[in-house]
C-alpha atoms as a PDB file:
ATOM      1  CA  MET A   1      26.090 121.720  97.072  1.00  0.00           C
ATOM      2  CA  THR A   2      29.166 120.767  99.052  1.00  0.00           C
ATOM      3  CA  THR A   3      30.726 122.790 101.842  1.00  0.00           C
ATOM      4  CA  PRO A   4      33.855 124.726 100.890  1.00  0.00           C
ATOM      5  CA  PRO A   5      37.164 123.197 101.951  1.00  0.00           C
ATOM      6  CA  ARG A   6      38.899 124.548 105.040  1.00  0.00           C
ATOM      7  CA  ILE A   7      42.242 124.744 103.253  1.00  0.00           C
ATOM      8  CA  THR A   8      42.470 127.678 100.872  1.00  0.00           C
ATOM      9  CA  ALA A   9      44.069 127.910  97.466  1.00  0.00           C
ATOM     10  CA  SER A  10      46.493 130.492  98.880  1.00  0.00           C
ATOM     11  CA  GLU A  11      47.678 127.975 101.474  1.00  0.00           C
ATOM     12  CA  LEU A  12      48.230 125.407  98.725  1.00  0.00           C
ATOM     13  CA  VAL A  13      50.337 127.959  96.821  1.00  0.00           C
ATOM     14  CA  GLU A  14      52.687 128.168  99.808  1.00  0.00           C
ATOM     15  CA  ILE A  15      52.824 124.389 100.238  1.00  0.00           C
ATOM     16  CA  VAL A  16      53.489 123.735  96.550  1.00  0.00           C
ATOM     17  CA  GLY A  17      56.094 126.490  96.256  1.00  0.00           C
ATOM     18  CA  ALA A  18      58.116 125.006  99.121  1.00  0.00           C
ATOM     19  CA  LEU A  19      58.616 121.641  97.415  1.00  0.00           C
ATOM     20  CA  PRO A  20      61.995 120.799  95.856  1.00  0.00           C
ATOM     21  CA  GLY A  21      61.988 120.948  92.080  1.00  0.00           C
ATOM     22  CA  VAL A  22      59.056 123.365  91.917  1.00  0.00           C
ATOM     23  CA  ARG A  23      60.058 126.793  90.643  1.00  0.00           C
ATOM     24  CA  GLY A  24      56.660 128.223  91.447  1.00  0.00           C
ATOM     25  CA  ILE A  25      53.033 128.543  90.493  1.00  0.00           C
ATOM     26  CA  GLU A  26      52.521 129.532  86.849  1.00  0.00           C
ATOM     27  CA  PRO A  27      48.887 130.327  86.202  1.00  0.00           C
ATOM     28  CA  GLY A  28      47.305 129.470  82.913  1.00  0.00           C
ATOM     29  CA  ILE A  29      44.401 131.264  81.316  1.00  0.00           C
ATOM     30  CA  GLY A  30      41.829 128.912  82.894  1.00  0.00           C
ATOM     31  CA  SER A  31      42.783 129.514  86.510  1.00  0.00           C
ATOM     32  CA  ALA A  32      43.316 133.215  85.849  1.00  0.00           C
ATOM     33  CA  LEU A  33      39.777 133.584  84.492  1.00  0.00           C
ATOM     34  CA  ARG A  34      38.262 131.538  87.335  1.00  0.00           C
ATOM     35  CA  THR A  35      40.114 133.665  89.878  1.00  0.00           C
ATOM     36  CA  ILE A  36      38.923 136.906  88.316  1.00  0.00           C
ATOM     37  CA  ASP A  37      35.358 135.554  88.131  1.00  0.00           C
ATOM     38  CA  ALA A  38      35.403 134.501  91.803  1.00  0.00           C
ATOM     39  CA  ARG A  39      36.697 137.884  92.875  1.00  0.00           C
ATOM     40  CA  ILE A  40      34.123 139.786  90.830  1.00  0.00           C
ATOM     41  CA  ARG A  41      31.297 137.640  92.200  1.00  0.00           C
ATOM     42  CA  ARG A  42      32.878 137.562  95.677  1.00  0.00           C
ATOM     43  CA  ALA A  43      32.054 133.868  95.840  1.00  0.00           C
ATOM     44  CA  GLY A  44      34.428 131.000  96.364  1.00  0.00           C
ATOM     45  CA  GLU A  45      37.449 133.272  96.604  1.00  0.00           C
ATOM     46  CA  GLY A  46      39.266 130.846  98.909  1.00  0.00           C
ATOM     47  CA  ALA A  47      38.932 128.018  96.409  1.00  0.00           C
ATOM     48  CA  VAL A  48      40.760 129.756  93.571  1.00  0.00           C
ATOM     49  CA  HIS A  49      44.081 131.506  93.239  1.00  0.00           C
ATOM     50  CA  TYR A  50      46.117 132.207  90.147  1.00  0.00           C
ATOM     51  CA  GLY A  51      47.513 128.746  89.327  1.00  0.00           C
ATOM     52  CA  VAL A  52      45.426 126.766  91.856  1.00  0.00           C
ATOM     53  CA  VAL A  53      41.766 125.758  91.565  1.00  0.00           C
ATOM     54  CA  ILE A  54      39.964 123.705  94.218  1.00  0.00           C
ATOM     55  CA  ASP A  55      36.678 122.333  92.891  1.00  0.00           C
ATOM     56  CA  PRO A  56      34.956 120.361  95.684  1.00  0.00           C
ATOM     57  CA  GLU A  57      31.822 119.752  93.591  1.00  0.00           C
ATOM     58  CA  GLY A  58      33.846 118.359  90.689  1.00  0.00           C
ATOM     59  CA  GLY A  59      36.180 116.515  93.028  1.00  0.00           C
ATOM     60  CA  THR A  60      39.335 118.038  91.565  1.00  0.00           C
ATOM     61  CA  ILE A  61      42.280 120.211  92.494  1.00  0.00           C
ATOM     62  CA  THR A  62      44.241 121.711  89.618  1.00  0.00           C
ATOM     63  CA  LEU A  63      47.793 123.016  90.090  1.00  0.00           C
ATOM     64  CA  GLU A  64      49.623 124.913  87.343  1.00  0.00           C
ATOM     65  CA  VAL A  65      53.339 124.919  88.058  1.00  0.00           C
ATOM     66  CA  GLY A  66      56.768 125.614  86.647  1.00  0.00           C
ATOM     67  CA  LEU A  67      59.449 123.045  87.398  1.00  0.00           C
ATOM     68  CA  GLU A  68      63.223 123.310  87.607  1.00  0.00           C
ATOM     69  CA  ARG A  69      65.122 121.409  84.946  1.00  0.00           C
ATOM     70  CA  GLY A  70      67.604 118.987  86.453  1.00  0.00           C
ATOM     71  CA  ALA A  71      65.861 118.785  89.843  1.00  0.00           C
ATOM     72  CA  GLY A  72      64.845 115.213  89.103  1.00  0.00           C
ATOM     73  CA  PRO A  73      62.492 113.303  86.852  1.00  0.00           C
ATOM     74  CA  VAL A  74      59.315 115.253  86.139  1.00  0.00           C
ATOM     75  CA  ARG A  75      57.165 112.249  87.069  1.00  0.00           C
ATOM     76  CA  GLU A  76      58.729 112.078  90.530  1.00  0.00           C
ATOM     77  CA  ILE A  77      58.241 115.793  91.157  1.00  0.00           C
ATOM     78  CA  VAL A  78      54.603 115.580  90.004  1.00  0.00           C
ATOM     79  CA  ALA A  79      54.023 112.515  92.222  1.00  0.00           C
ATOM     80  CA  LEU A  80      55.535 114.396  95.187  1.00  0.00           C
ATOM     81  CA  LEU A  81      53.243 117.362  94.457  1.00  0.00           C
ATOM     82  CA  GLN A  82      50.194 115.107  94.365  1.00  0.00           C
ATOM     83  CA  ARG A  83      51.111 113.274  97.601  1.00  0.00           C
ATOM     84  CA  THR A  84      51.854 116.520  99.439  1.00  0.00           C
ATOM     85  CA  VAL A  85      48.607 118.182  98.352  1.00  0.00           C
ATOM     86  CA  ARG A  86      46.601 115.042  99.176  1.00  0.00           C
ATOM     87  CA  GLU A  87      48.062 115.070 102.706  1.00  0.00           C
ATOM     88  CA  ALA A  88      47.277 118.787 103.048  1.00  0.00           C
ATOM     89  CA  VAL A  89      43.615 118.360 102.106  1.00  0.00           C
ATOM     90  CA  THR A  90      42.979 115.140 104.054  1.00  0.00           C
ATOM     91  CA  GLY A  91      39.760 115.631 105.979  1.00  0.00           C
ATOM     92  CA  ASP A  92      38.740 118.672 103.911  1.00  0.00           C
ATOM     93  CA  LEU A  93      37.928 116.903 100.655  1.00  0.00           C
ATOM     94  CA  PRO A  94      36.855 113.355  99.765  1.00  0.00           C
ATOM     95  CA  PRO A  95      39.722 110.841  99.521  1.00  0.00           C
ATOM     96  CA  ASP A  96      38.959 110.217  95.842  1.00  0.00           C
ATOM     97  CA  THR A  97      39.638 113.863  94.919  1.00  0.00           C
ATOM     98  CA  VAL A  98      41.645 114.010  91.684  1.00  0.00           C
ATOM     99  CA  ILE A  99      44.766 116.167  91.861  1.00  0.00           C
ATOM    100  CA  ARG A 100      45.807 117.428  88.435  1.00  0.00           C
ATOM    101  CA  VAL A 101      49.230 118.929  87.903  1.00  0.00           C
ATOM    102  CA  LYS A 102      49.739 120.966  84.750  1.00  0.00           C
ATOM    103  CA  VAL A 103      53.408 121.626  84.089  1.00  0.00           C
ATOM    104  CA  GLN A 104      53.418 125.027  82.411  1.00  0.00           C
ATOM    105  CA  SER A 105      57.196 125.269  81.994  1.00  0.00           C
ATOM    106  CA  LEU A 106      60.420 123.394  82.614  1.00  0.00           C
ATOM    107  CA  THR A 107      63.413 125.686  82.981  1.00  0.00           C
END
């Protein structure tokens, strides 16, 4: 079992929401269910938030976001998201952590 990361999912929500081209976090059913489960069990609450899941054991971070149409190419915004999150978690998670960005909407 790995130690939980020092950065919380709530902190990542703030970081992601401040990036240009990102309209906000848009949780999908998967992160919503994981968040509810963590809160019911009172375990790993800092690793999940609606729209953000940090899985140190699986080596992944999943972000579910809505993007602004016309803010730039989607690939560039997603790459910026991944770089920014990787910088934020440096030292907390292994360097080979996979950062998945699920674009829930483009408006």
